Amino acid sequence: MKVSIIIPCFNNAALVAETLTSVKNQSASNWECVLVDDGSTDGSLAVAHSFAKEESRFTVLSRPAYLPKGANSCRNFGVSKSTGTHLVFLDADDLLSENCIEVRCHSYQEEDLKIFSTAHFQHSIAQSSPFVSSLNLNLDAARYRDMFLGYWIPWHGSSGLWKREFYEQIGGFDERLMRFQDVDLHVRALSVTGVQFSIDYSAGFTSYYRKSAYHTQVNLEKRRFILDQGIQYLEKLDGFLTAGDLRKTSGLMIYLMFRFEEVFTDKDLAVINRMFVGSSHKAKPEGGLQLLMRVYSKVLTKPSRLRKYLSFAVYKVFSKQNREKLNH
């Protein structure tokens, strides 16, 4: 086995050295790291090139101009230029444990996708905690796929060890999506008939997701952008899901209505309504979503504090019920 670690990077000069150091310090030697820069202007490329000069297993590339801007293009381009039999995806501000590649290769048993434990942290991995607590590790691929559909994310994008040929078979990351790309990738992967899949958390955390200020600070413009991405992803799902599976996306729709209530418009509501009432699928939304659709269309038709509180309450109740149902 040879593992290609694929890293997209855009203006992460302050943190990318720490990320690349965590790769360089791997206890195993059967890896290469391909970093693809997305047009950084802050010195990220210089930091990456300094690692490549010291260690031949690092390759630093720039996204070609003919590819669309975005992390997904960088990931797919990085894979195309890599030579590994297996893939690990890492963001330019996240970290690998020192024994990550060793643990993952030792545990691997010819799966298309194998999942390992990830922690999240803000400042130091000494204060890290599980990305998801109390996850049932003994469910089948279809159940985990339903978690992604319902927007209860069971693991992080850096958690997987992908068989390269399987990743290429499912088409890699969707370069049209700037958000919800991990959800989309895992839904497609776990929908493949006969997918070879397993989870192994026995060795503890093998990757660390950094909850940076970029992820936590959201202004109205960014909310609108993320909501547009969510609506775009829902419309993609509407194109191929069955009625039963479409209904399972209710959690994602409730999340969008709560999280981005300040910028949620009648046009957005019409898209969700069309997926059910006006859809040939004839799917019925789950109860919490039915309530919010009714309130948003007939009672609280404009953003308000009351609508925010209501959508938050519905989101919390539905999320708790959905987690319990899916994780059983």
C-alpha atoms as a PDB file:
ATOM      1  CA  MET A   1       0.000   0.000   0.000  1.00  0.00           C
ATOM      2  CA  LYS A   2       1.021   3.546  -0.706  1.00  0.00           C
ATOM      3  CA  VAL A   3      -1.114   6.332   0.720  1.00  0.00           C
ATOM      4  CA  SER A   4      -1.491   9.666  -1.049  1.00  0.00           C
ATOM      5  CA  ILE A   5      -2.409  12.484   1.346  1.00  0.00           C
ATOM      6  CA  ILE A   6      -4.241  15.152  -0.648  1.00  0.00           C
ATOM      7  CA  ILE A   7      -4.320  18.720   0.701  1.00  0.00           C
ATOM      8  CA  PRO A   8      -6.083  21.692  -0.953  1.00  0.00           C
ATOM      9  CA  CYS A   9      -4.765  25.031   0.256  1.00  0.00           C
ATOM     10  CA  PHE A  10      -5.897  28.637  -0.009  1.00  0.00           C
ATOM     11  CA  ASN A  11      -4.364  31.430   2.109  1.00  0.00           C
ATOM     12  CA  ASN A  12      -3.458  29.240   5.077  1.00  0.00           C
ATOM     13  CA  ALA A  13       0.116  30.376   5.654  1.00  0.00           C
ATOM     14  CA  ALA A  14      -0.442  30.667   9.419  1.00  0.00           C
ATOM     15  CA  LEU A  15      -1.403  27.010   9.863  1.00  0.00           C
ATOM     16  CA  VAL A  16      -0.245  24.969   6.887  1.00  0.00           C
ATOM     17  CA  ALA A  17       3.244  24.423   8.332  1.00  0.00           C
ATOM     18  CA  GLU A  18       1.708  22.689  11.348  1.00  0.00           C
ATOM     19  CA  THR A  19      -0.409  20.548   9.026  1.00  0.00           C
ATOM     20  CA  LEU A  20       2.553  19.537   6.865  1.00  0.00           C
ATOM     21  CA  THR A  21       4.685  18.840   9.938  1.00  0.00           C
ATOM     22  CA  SER A  22       2.044  16.375  11.132  1.00  0.00           C
ATOM     23  CA  VAL A  23       2.390  14.623   7.762  1.00  0.00           C
ATOM     24  CA  LYS A  24       6.189  14.714   7.779  1.00  0.00           C
ATOM     25  CA  ASN A  25       6.298  13.149  11.255  1.00  0.00           C
ATOM     26  CA  GLN A  26       4.405  10.001  10.265  1.00  0.00           C
ATOM     27  CA  SER A  27       5.742   6.827  11.863  1.00  0.00           C
ATOM     28  CA  ALA A  28       5.123   4.977   8.580  1.00  0.00           C
ATOM     29  CA  SER A  29       7.076   5.720   5.426  1.00  0.00           C
ATOM     30  CA  ASN A  30       4.642   4.517   2.734  1.00  0.00           C
ATOM     31  CA  TRP A  31       3.078   7.884   1.980  1.00  0.00           C
ATOM     32  CA  GLU A  32       3.280  10.844  -0.351  1.00  0.00           C
ATOM     33  CA  CYS A  33       1.669  14.236   0.157  1.00  0.00           C
ATOM     34  CA  VAL A  34       0.247  16.260  -2.729  1.00  0.00           C
ATOM     35  CA  LEU A  35      -0.643  19.850  -1.844  1.00  0.00           C
ATOM     36  CA  VAL A  36      -2.593  21.796  -4.452  1.00  0.00           C
ATOM     37  CA  ASP A  37      -2.686  25.559  -3.996  1.00  0.00           C
ATOM     38  CA  ASP A  38      -5.856  27.382  -5.053  1.00  0.00           C
ATOM     39  CA  GLY A  39      -4.292  30.775  -5.794  1.00  0.00           C
ATOM     40  CA  SER A  40      -3.001  31.807  -2.368  1.00  0.00           C
ATOM     41  CA  THR A  41      -1.669  35.327  -1.929  1.00  0.00           C
ATOM     42  CA  ASP A  42      -0.393  35.070   1.655  1.00  0.00           C
ATOM     43  CA  GLY A  43       2.782  33.006   1.410  1.00  0.00           C
ATOM     44  CA  SER A  44       1.192  29.558   1.703  1.00  0.00           C
ATOM     45  CA  LEU A  45       3.009  28.361  -1.420  1.00  0.00           C
ATOM     46  CA  ALA A  46       6.390  29.388  -0.041  1.00  0.00           C
ATOM     47  CA  VAL A  47       5.740  27.433   3.151  1.00  0.00           C
ATOM     48  CA  ALA A  48       4.698  24.365   1.185  1.00  0.00           C
ATOM     49  CA  HIS A  49       7.716  24.578  -1.142  1.00  0.00           C
ATOM     50  CA  SER A  50      10.034  24.717   1.877  1.00  0.00           C
ATOM     51  CA  PHE A  51       8.730  21.305   2.953  1.00  0.00           C
ATOM     52  CA  ALA A  52       9.073  19.910  -0.569  1.00  0.00           C
ATOM     53  CA  LYS A  53      12.731  20.996  -0.683  1.00  0.00           C
ATOM     54  CA  GLU A  54      13.480  19.054   2.511  1.00  0.00           C
ATOM     55  CA  GLU A  55      11.340  15.963   1.828  1.00  0.00           C
ATOM     56  CA  SER A  56      10.903  14.388  -1.622  1.00  0.00           C
ATOM     57  CA  ARG A  57       7.571  12.805  -0.668  1.00  0.00           C
ATOM     58  CA  PHE A  58       5.965  16.265  -0.743  1.00  0.00           C
ATOM     59  CA  THR A  59       4.670  17.529  -4.096  1.00  0.00           C
ATOM     60  CA  VAL A  60       3.411  21.102  -4.407  1.00  0.00           C
ATOM     61  CA  LEU A  61       1.168  22.039  -7.328  1.00  0.00           C
ATOM     62  CA  SER A  62      -1.042  24.941  -8.327  1.00  0.00           C
ATOM     63  CA  ARG A  63      -4.587  24.460  -9.567  1.00  0.00           C
ATOM     64  CA  PRO A  64      -4.581  24.850 -13.362  1.00  0.00           C
ATOM     65  CA  ALA A  65      -6.495  27.860 -14.649  1.00  0.00           C
ATOM     66  CA  TYR A  66      -8.792  25.643 -16.728  1.00  0.00           C
ATOM     67  CA  LEU A  67     -10.227  24.062 -13.572  1.00  0.00           C
ATOM     68  CA  PRO A  68     -12.880  25.851 -11.485  1.00  0.00           C
ATOM     69  CA  LYS A  69     -11.662  27.480  -8.304  1.00  0.00           C
ATOM     70  CA  GLY A  70     -12.328  25.572  -5.096  1.00  0.00           C
ATOM     71  CA  ALA A  71     -11.068  22.868  -2.788  1.00  0.00           C
ATOM     72  CA  ASN A  72     -12.874  20.121  -4.708  1.00  0.00           C
ATOM     73  CA  SER A  73     -11.053  20.900  -7.952  1.00  0.00           C
ATOM     74  CA  CYS A  74      -7.794  20.917  -6.023  1.00  0.00           C
ATOM     75  CA  ARG A  75      -8.579  17.554  -4.429  1.00  0.00           C
ATOM     76  CA  ASN A  76      -9.501  15.879  -7.708  1.00  0.00           C
ATOM     77  CA  PHE A  77      -6.472  17.383  -9.472  1.00  0.00           C
ATOM     78  CA  GLY A  78      -4.249  16.258  -6.612  1.00  0.00           C
ATOM     79  CA  VAL A  79      -5.569  12.709  -6.909  1.00  0.00           C
ATOM     80  CA  SER A  80      -4.925  12.733 -10.665  1.00  0.00           C
ATOM     81  CA  LYS A  81      -1.279  13.673 -10.022  1.00  0.00           C
ATOM     82  CA  SER A  82      -0.761  11.238  -7.143  1.00  0.00           C
ATOM     83  CA  THR A  83       0.630   7.703  -7.337  1.00  0.00           C
ATOM     84  CA  GLY A  84      -0.835   6.056  -4.240  1.00  0.00           C
ATOM     85  CA  THR A  85      -3.115   3.036  -4.141  1.00  0.00           C
ATOM     86  CA  HIS A  86      -5.107   4.674  -1.331  1.00  0.00           C
ATOM     87  CA  LEU A  87      -6.145   8.210  -0.419  1.00  0.00           C
ATOM     88  CA  VAL A  88      -6.475  10.375   2.685  1.00  0.00           C
ATOM     89  CA  PHE A  89      -7.987  13.857   2.403  1.00  0.00           C
ATOM     90  CA  LEU A  90      -6.698  16.542   4.761  1.00  0.00           C
ATOM     91  CA  ASP A  91      -7.450  20.264   4.914  1.00  0.00           C
ATOM     92  CA  ALA A  92      -4.598  22.749   5.215  1.00  0.00           C
ATOM     93  CA  ASP A  93      -5.411  23.615   8.829  1.00  0.00           C
ATOM     94  CA  ASP A  94      -6.101  20.089  10.128  1.00  0.00           C
ATOM     95  CA  LEU A  95      -3.680  17.513  11.527  1.00  0.00           C
ATOM     96  CA  LEU A  96      -2.820  13.825  11.392  1.00  0.00           C
ATOM     97  CA  SER A  97      -1.742  11.847  14.432  1.00  0.00           C
ATOM     98  CA  GLU A  98       1.859  10.656  14.240  1.00  0.00           C
ATOM     99  CA  ASN A  99       0.733   7.055  13.699  1.00  0.00           C
ATOM    100  CA  CYS A 100      -2.181   7.821  11.360  1.00  0.00           C
ATOM    101  CA  ILE A 101      -0.900   6.120   8.210  1.00  0.00           C
ATOM    102  CA  GLU A 102       0.581   3.209  10.149  1.00  0.00           C
ATOM    103  CA  VAL A 103      -2.698   2.553  11.989  1.00  0.00           C
ATOM    104  CA  ARG A 104      -4.868   2.871   8.906  1.00  0.00           C
ATOM    105  CA  CYS A 105      -2.726   0.599   6.753  1.00  0.00           C
ATOM    106  CA  HIS A 106      -2.412  -2.022   9.511  1.00  0.00           C
ATOM    107  CA  SER A 107      -6.200  -2.077   9.981  1.00  0.00           C
ATOM    108  CA  TYR A 108      -7.073  -2.079   6.276  1.00  0.00           C
ATOM    109  CA  GLN A 109      -8.670  -5.249   4.859  1.00  0.00           C
ATOM    110  CA  GLU A 110      -9.467  -4.433   1.221  1.00  0.00           C
ATOM    111  CA  GLU A 111     -12.371  -2.090   1.982  1.00  0.00           C
ATOM    112  CA  ASP A 112     -13.453   0.518  -0.562  1.00  0.00           C
ATOM    113  CA  LEU A 113     -13.717   2.971   2.316  1.00  0.00           C
ATOM    114  CA  LYS A 114     -12.568   2.510   5.900  1.00  0.00           C
ATOM    115  CA  ILE A 115     -13.333   5.074   8.605  1.00  0.00           C
ATOM    116  CA  PHE A 116     -11.125   5.971  11.570  1.00  0.00           C
ATOM    117  CA  SER A 117     -11.651   8.220  14.579  1.00  0.00           C
ATOM    118  CA  THR A 118     -11.286  11.999  14.311  1.00  0.00           C
ATOM    119  CA  ALA A 119     -11.253  14.637  17.046  1.00  0.00           C
ATOM    120  CA  HIS A 120     -12.010  18.335  16.820  1.00  0.00           C
ATOM    121  CA  PHE A 121     -10.082  21.113  18.547  1.00  0.00           C
ATOM    122  CA  GLN A 122      -9.647  24.888  18.506  1.00  0.00           C
ATOM    123  CA  HIS A 123      -6.188  25.702  19.809  1.00  0.00           C
ATOM    124  CA  SER A 124      -4.471  22.515  20.949  1.00  0.00           C
ATOM    125  CA  ILE A 125      -5.118  18.837  20.336  1.00  0.00           C
ATOM    126  CA  ALA A 126      -4.514  18.362  24.060  1.00  0.00           C
ATOM    127  CA  GLN A 127      -8.035  19.784  24.515  1.00  0.00           C
ATOM    128  CA  SER A 128      -9.586  17.817  21.641  1.00  0.00           C
ATOM    129  CA  SER A 129     -12.799  15.813  21.830  1.00  0.00           C
ATOM    130  CA  PRO A 130     -14.481  13.279  19.500  1.00  0.00           C
ATOM    131  CA  PHE A 131     -15.879  14.690  16.270  1.00  0.00           C
ATOM    132  CA  VAL A 132     -19.036  12.684  17.059  1.00  0.00           C
ATOM    133  CA  SER A 133     -19.745  11.147  20.455  1.00  0.00           C
ATOM    134  CA  SER A 134     -21.530   7.837  21.030  1.00  0.00           C
ATOM    135  CA  LEU A 135     -21.626   6.757  17.390  1.00  0.00           C
ATOM    136  CA  ASN A 136     -22.827   3.189  16.868  1.00  0.00           C
ATOM    137  CA  LEU A 137     -19.942   1.532  15.017  1.00  0.00           C
ATOM    138  CA  ASN A 138     -21.864  -1.591  14.015  1.00  0.00           C
ATOM    139  CA  LEU A 139     -24.367  -0.289  11.468  1.00  0.00           C
ATOM    140  CA  ASP A 140     -24.407  -1.035   7.761  1.00  0.00           C
ATOM    141  CA  ALA A 141     -23.441   1.383   4.990  1.00  0.00           C
ATOM    142  CA  ALA A 142     -27.077   2.253   4.242  1.00  0.00           C
ATOM    143  CA  ARG A 143     -27.682   3.446   7.806  1.00  0.00           C
ATOM    144  CA  TYR A 144     -24.628   5.709   7.774  1.00  0.00           C
ATOM    145  CA  ARG A 145     -25.696   7.023   4.366  1.00  0.00           C
ATOM    146  CA  ASP A 146     -29.050   7.967   5.905  1.00  0.00           C
ATOM    147  CA  MET A 147     -27.182   9.927   8.591  1.00  0.00           C
ATOM    148  CA  PHE A 148     -25.494  12.002   5.893  1.00  0.00           C
ATOM    149  CA  LEU A 149     -28.816  12.488   4.081  1.00  0.00           C
ATOM    150  CA  GLY A 150     -30.397  13.741   7.302  1.00  0.00           C
ATOM    151  CA  TYR A 151     -27.415  16.018   7.959  1.00  0.00           C
ATOM    152  CA  TRP A 152     -26.235  14.216  11.054  1.00  0.00           C
ATOM    153  CA  ILE A 153     -22.594  13.873   9.999  1.00  0.00           C
ATOM    154  CA  PRO A 154     -21.137  10.689  11.550  1.00  0.00           C
ATOM    155  CA  TRP A 155     -17.473  11.373  10.721  1.00  0.00           C
ATOM    156  CA  HIS A 156     -15.156  14.004   9.280  1.00  0.00           C
ATOM    157  CA  GLY A 157     -13.743  14.193   5.765  1.00  0.00           C
ATOM    158  CA  SER A 158     -10.256  13.348   7.053  1.00  0.00           C
ATOM    159  CA  SER A 159     -11.529  10.175   8.753  1.00  0.00           C
ATOM    160  CA  GLY A 160     -11.475   7.949   5.682  1.00  0.00           C
ATOM    161  CA  LEU A 161      -8.945   5.729   3.977  1.00  0.00           C
ATOM    162  CA  TRP A 162     -10.203   5.462   0.392  1.00  0.00           C
ATOM    163  CA  LYS A 163      -9.284   2.820  -2.155  1.00  0.00           C
ATOM    164  CA  ARG A 164      -8.181   4.954  -5.062  1.00  0.00           C
ATOM    165  CA  GLU A 165     -10.039   2.990  -7.742  1.00  0.00           C
ATOM    166  CA  PHE A 166     -13.282   3.226  -5.745  1.00  0.00           C
ATOM    167  CA  TYR A 167     -12.902   6.992  -5.313  1.00  0.00           C
ATOM    168  CA  GLU A 168     -12.381   7.338  -9.063  1.00  0.00           C
ATOM    169  CA  GLN A 169     -15.313   4.981  -9.760  1.00  0.00           C
ATOM    170  CA  ILE A 170     -17.765   7.266  -7.934  1.00  0.00           C
ATOM    171  CA  GLY A 171     -16.416  10.359  -9.690  1.00  0.00           C
ATOM    172  CA  GLY A 172     -14.515  12.013  -6.844  1.00  0.00           C
ATOM    173  CA  PHE A 173     -15.641  15.319  -5.354  1.00  0.00           C
ATOM    174  CA  ASP A 174     -18.341  17.310  -7.148  1.00  0.00           C
ATOM    175  CA  GLU A 175     -16.488  20.411  -8.351  1.00  0.00           C
ATOM    176  CA  ARG A 176     -19.771  22.346  -8.668  1.00  0.00           C
ATOM    177  CA  LEU A 177     -20.263  22.280  -4.885  1.00  0.00           C
ATOM    178  CA  MET A 178     -18.342  24.663  -2.646  1.00  0.00           C
ATOM    179  CA  ARG A 179     -20.158  23.410   0.454  1.00  0.00           C
ATOM    180  CA  PHE A 180     -21.782  20.094   1.459  1.00  0.00           C
ATOM    181  CA  GLN A 181     -19.175  18.332  -0.682  1.00  0.00           C
ATOM    182  CA  ASP A 182     -18.248  15.794   2.015  1.00  0.00           C
ATOM    183  CA  VAL A 183     -21.926  14.952   2.523  1.00  0.00           C
ATOM    184  CA  ASP A 184     -22.371  14.495  -1.218  1.00  0.00           C
ATOM    185  CA  LEU A 185     -19.266  12.319  -1.598  1.00  0.00           C
ATOM    186  CA  HIS A 186     -20.241   9.981   1.239  1.00  0.00           C
ATOM    187  CA  VAL A 187     -23.865   9.701   0.108  1.00  0.00           C
ATOM    188  CA  ARG A 188     -22.675   8.579  -3.319  1.00  0.00           C
ATOM    189  CA  ALA A 189     -20.041   6.223  -1.872  1.00  0.00           C
ATOM    190  CA  LEU A 190     -22.369   4.560   0.629  1.00  0.00           C
ATOM    191  CA  SER A 191     -25.097   4.211  -2.021  1.00  0.00           C
ATOM    192  CA  VAL A 192     -22.960   1.908  -4.186  1.00  0.00           C
ATOM    193  CA  THR A 193     -24.397  -1.595  -4.203  1.00  0.00           C
ATOM    194  CA  GLY A 194     -22.022  -3.987  -2.459  1.00  0.00           C
ATOM    195  CA  VAL A 195     -19.694  -1.259  -1.177  1.00  0.00           C
ATOM    196  CA  GLN A 196     -16.977  -2.712   1.054  1.00  0.00           C
ATOM    197  CA  PHE A 197     -17.032  -0.514   4.135  1.00  0.00           C
ATOM    198  CA  SER A 198     -16.076  -0.692   7.805  1.00  0.00           C
ATOM    199  CA  ILE A 199     -15.181   1.439  10.834  1.00  0.00           C
ATOM    200  CA  ASP A 200     -12.246   0.987  13.225  1.00  0.00           C
ATOM    201  CA  TYR A 201     -11.925   3.341  16.196  1.00  0.00           C
ATOM    202  CA  SER A 202      -9.752   0.955  18.241  1.00  0.00           C
ATOM    203  CA  ALA A 203      -6.535   2.982  17.949  1.00  0.00           C
ATOM    204  CA  GLY A 204      -7.958   6.318  19.090  1.00  0.00           C
ATOM    205  CA  PHE A 205      -7.821   9.576  17.130  1.00  0.00           C
ATOM    206  CA  THR A 206      -5.877   9.450  13.860  1.00  0.00           C
ATOM    207  CA  SER A 207      -6.834  12.907  12.571  1.00  0.00           C
ATOM    208  CA  TYR A 208      -7.752  16.252  14.113  1.00  0.00           C
ATOM    209  CA  TYR A 209     -10.222  18.772  12.695  1.00  0.00           C
ATOM    210  CA  ARG A 210      -9.527  22.392  13.648  1.00  0.00           C
ATOM    211  CA  LYS A 211     -12.600  24.517  14.415  1.00  0.00           C
ATOM    212  CA  SER A 212     -11.090  27.809  13.311  1.00  0.00           C
ATOM    213  CA  ALA A 213     -12.631  31.274  13.345  1.00  0.00           C
ATOM    214  CA  TYR A 214     -13.339  30.889   9.618  1.00  0.00           C
ATOM    215  CA  HIS A 215     -15.798  28.086  10.399  1.00  0.00           C
ATOM    216  CA  THR A 216     -17.477  29.818  13.329  1.00  0.00           C
ATOM    217  CA  GLN A 217     -17.791  33.435  12.135  1.00  0.00           C
ATOM    218  CA  VAL A 218     -20.579  33.817   9.581  1.00  0.00           C
ATOM    219  CA  ASN A 219     -21.918  37.147   8.263  1.00  0.00           C
ATOM    220  CA  LEU A 220     -25.074  37.598   6.199  1.00  0.00           C
ATOM    221  CA  GLU A 221     -23.237  37.384   2.894  1.00  0.00           C
ATOM    222  CA  LYS A 222     -21.618  34.113   3.892  1.00  0.00           C
ATOM    223  CA  ARG A 223     -24.953  32.792   5.179  1.00  0.00           C
ATOM    224  CA  ARG A 224     -26.525  33.510   1.799  1.00  0.00           C
ATOM    225  CA  PHE A 225     -23.670  31.767   0.008  1.00  0.00           C
ATOM    226  CA  ILE A 226     -23.905  28.634   2.183  1.00  0.00           C
ATOM    227  CA  LEU A 227     -27.698  28.566   1.877  1.00  0.00           C
ATOM    228  CA  ASP A 228     -27.399  28.786  -1.920  1.00  0.00           C
ATOM    229  CA  GLN A 229     -24.994  25.857  -1.807  1.00  0.00           C
ATOM    230  CA  GLY A 230     -27.424  23.890   0.354  1.00  0.00           C
ATOM    231  CA  ILE A 231     -30.305  24.559  -2.025  1.00  0.00           C
ATOM    232  CA  GLN A 232     -28.111  23.558  -4.962  1.00  0.00           C
ATOM    233  CA  TYR A 233     -27.216  20.291  -3.231  1.00  0.00           C
ATOM    234  CA  LEU A 234     -30.870  19.574  -2.414  1.00  0.00           C
ATOM    235  CA  GLU A 235     -31.801  20.060  -6.060  1.00  0.00           C
ATOM    236  CA  LYS A 236     -29.058  17.624  -7.020  1.00  0.00           C
ATOM    237  CA  LEU A 237     -30.448  15.052  -4.564  1.00  0.00           C
ATOM    238  CA  ASP A 238     -33.952  15.598  -5.931  1.00  0.00           C
ATOM    239  CA  GLY A 239     -32.680  14.468  -9.297  1.00  0.00           C
ATOM    240  CA  PHE A 240     -31.846  10.909  -8.269  1.00  0.00           C
ATOM    241  CA  LEU A 241     -33.324  10.026  -4.863  1.00  0.00           C
ATOM    242  CA  THR A 242     -36.403   7.856  -4.463  1.00  0.00           C
ATOM    243  CA  ALA A 243     -39.397   9.194  -2.545  1.00  0.00           C
ATOM    244  CA  GLY A 244     -38.360   7.376   0.613  1.00  0.00           C
ATOM    245  CA  ASP A 245     -34.793   8.630   0.448  1.00  0.00           C
ATOM    246  CA  LEU A 246     -35.853  12.169  -0.421  1.00  0.00           C
ATOM    247  CA  ARG A 247     -37.878  12.239   2.796  1.00  0.00           C
ATOM    248  CA  LYS A 248     -34.693  11.434   4.701  1.00  0.00           C
ATOM    249  CA  THR A 249     -33.274  14.827   3.705  1.00  0.00           C
ATOM    250  CA  SER A 250     -35.767  16.574   5.997  1.00  0.00           C
ATOM    251  CA  GLY A 251     -33.006  17.041   8.585  1.00  0.00           C
ATOM    252  CA  LEU A 252     -30.851  18.962   6.126  1.00  0.00           C
ATOM    253  CA  MET A 253     -33.795  21.149   5.113  1.00  0.00           C
ATOM    254  CA  ILE A 254     -34.655  21.939   8.730  1.00  0.00           C
ATOM    255  CA  TYR A 255     -30.997  22.793   9.340  1.00  0.00           C
ATOM    256  CA  LEU A 256     -30.978  25.232   6.417  1.00  0.00           C
ATOM    257  CA  MET A 257     -34.207  26.890   7.578  1.00  0.00           C
ATOM    258  CA  PHE A 258     -32.856  27.347  11.098  1.00  0.00           C
ATOM    259  CA  ARG A 259     -29.194  28.114  10.471  1.00  0.00           C
ATOM    260  CA  PHE A 260     -29.816  30.607   7.674  1.00  0.00           C
ATOM    261  CA  GLU A 261     -33.243  31.945   8.688  1.00  0.00           C
ATOM    262  CA  GLU A 262     -32.038  35.560   8.389  1.00  0.00           C
ATOM    263  CA  VAL A 263     -31.547  35.208   4.629  1.00  0.00           C
ATOM    264  CA  PHE A 264     -34.163  32.532   3.896  1.00  0.00           C
ATOM    265  CA  THR A 265     -36.633  33.775   1.253  1.00  0.00           C
ATOM    266  CA  ASP A 266     -39.881  32.705  -0.395  1.00  0.00           C
ATOM    267  CA  LYS A 267     -37.817  31.520  -3.342  1.00  0.00           C
ATOM    268  CA  ASP A 268     -35.898  29.108  -1.102  1.00  0.00           C
ATOM    269  CA  LEU A 269     -39.117  27.854   0.437  1.00  0.00           C
ATOM    270  CA  ALA A 270     -40.536  27.275  -3.040  1.00  0.00           C
ATOM    271  CA  VAL A 271     -37.607  24.986  -3.880  1.00  0.00           C
ATOM    272  CA  ILE A 272     -38.218  22.862  -0.777  1.00  0.00           C
ATOM    273  CA  ASN A 273     -41.959  22.852  -1.389  1.00  0.00           C
ATOM    274  CA  ARG A 274     -41.435  21.780  -4.994  1.00  0.00           C
ATOM    275  CA  MET A 275     -39.342  18.818  -3.870  1.00  0.00           C
ATOM    276  CA  PHE A 276     -42.350  17.459  -2.010  1.00  0.00           C
ATOM    277  CA  VAL A 277     -45.729  18.901  -2.984  1.00  0.00           C
ATOM    278  CA  GLY A 278     -44.776  19.567  -6.584  1.00  0.00           C
ATOM    279  CA  SER A 279     -42.505  16.572  -7.054  1.00  0.00           C
ATOM    280  CA  SER A 280     -43.222  13.447  -9.045  1.00  0.00           C
ATOM    281  CA  HIS A 281     -41.617  11.581  -6.146  1.00  0.00           C
ATOM    282  CA  LYS A 282     -44.738  12.370  -4.090  1.00  0.00           C
ATOM    283  CA  ALA A 283     -42.621  12.269  -0.951  1.00  0.00           C
ATOM    284  CA  LYS A 284     -44.029  13.731   2.263  1.00  0.00           C
ATOM    285  CA  PRO A 285     -41.721  15.771   4.518  1.00  0.00           C
ATOM    286  CA  GLU A 286     -41.237  14.630   8.092  1.00  0.00           C
ATOM    287  CA  GLY A 287     -43.252  16.341  10.824  1.00  0.00           C
ATOM    288  CA  GLY A 288     -40.776  19.036  11.878  1.00  0.00           C
ATOM    289  CA  LEU A 289     -40.221  20.114   8.302  1.00  0.00           C
ATOM    290  CA  GLN A 290     -43.963  20.156   7.603  1.00  0.00           C
ATOM    291  CA  LEU A 291     -44.442  22.510  10.549  1.00  0.00           C
ATOM    292  CA  LEU A 292     -41.702  24.916   9.454  1.00  0.00           C
ATOM    293  CA  MET A 293     -42.896  24.944   5.846  1.00  0.00           C
ATOM    294  CA  ARG A 294     -46.393  25.855   7.015  1.00  0.00           C
ATOM    295  CA  VAL A 295     -45.182  28.565   9.416  1.00  0.00           C
ATOM    296  CA  TYR A 296     -42.752  30.112   6.924  1.00  0.00           C
ATOM    297  CA  SER A 297     -45.380  30.260   4.194  1.00  0.00           C
ATOM    298  CA  LYS A 298     -48.477  31.356   6.150  1.00  0.00           C
ATOM    299  CA  VAL A 299     -47.612  32.804   9.574  1.00  0.00           C
ATOM    300  CA  LEU A 300     -44.044  34.045  10.049  1.00  0.00           C
ATOM    301  CA  THR A 301     -43.290  34.919   6.451  1.00  0.00           C
ATOM    302  CA  LYS A 302     -40.375  37.267   7.173  1.00  0.00           C
ATOM    303  CA  PRO A 303     -37.175  36.778   9.206  1.00  0.00           C
ATOM    304  CA  SER A 304     -37.795  37.539  12.875  1.00  0.00           C
ATOM    305  CA  ARG A 305     -36.575  36.634  16.325  1.00  0.00           C
ATOM    306  CA  LEU A 306     -39.668  34.513  16.904  1.00  0.00           C
ATOM    307  CA  ARG A 307     -39.141  32.596  13.657  1.00  0.00           C
ATOM    308  CA  LYS A 308     -35.500  32.029  14.574  1.00  0.00           C
ATOM    309  CA  TYR A 309     -36.425  30.663  18.013  1.00  0.00           C
ATOM    310  CA  LEU A 310     -39.093  28.417  16.551  1.00  0.00           C
ATOM    311  CA  SER A 311     -36.860  27.002  13.832  1.00  0.00           C
ATOM    312  CA  PHE A 312     -34.087  26.442  16.391  1.00  0.00           C
ATOM    313  CA  ALA A 313     -36.461  24.558  18.694  1.00  0.00           C
ATOM    314  CA  VAL A 314     -37.725  22.393  15.833  1.00  0.00           C
ATOM    315  CA  TYR A 315     -34.139  21.742  14.720  1.00  0.00           C
ATOM    316  CA  LYS A 316     -33.041  20.652  18.208  1.00  0.00           C
ATOM    317  CA  VAL A 317     -36.014  18.340  18.749  1.00  0.00           C
ATOM    318  CA  PHE A 318     -35.845  16.827  15.275  1.00  0.00           C
ATOM    319  CA  SER A 319     -32.066  16.378  15.473  1.00  0.00           C
ATOM    320  CA  LYS A 320     -32.313  14.545  18.784  1.00  0.00           C
ATOM    321  CA  GLN A 321     -35.070  12.249  17.509  1.00  0.00           C
ATOM    322  CA  ASN A 322     -33.270  11.649  14.226  1.00  0.00           C
ATOM    323  CA  ARG A 323     -29.961  10.804  15.936  1.00  0.00           C
ATOM    324  CA  GLU A 324     -31.670   8.320  18.210  1.00  0.00           C
ATOM    325  CA  LYS A 325     -33.491   6.685  15.288  1.00  0.00           C
ATOM    326  CA  LEU A 326     -30.510   6.473  12.960  1.00  0.00           C
ATOM    327  CA  ASN A 327     -27.982   5.492  15.619  1.00  0.00           C
ATOM    328  CA  HIS A 328     -30.105   2.687  17.112  1.00  0.00           C
END
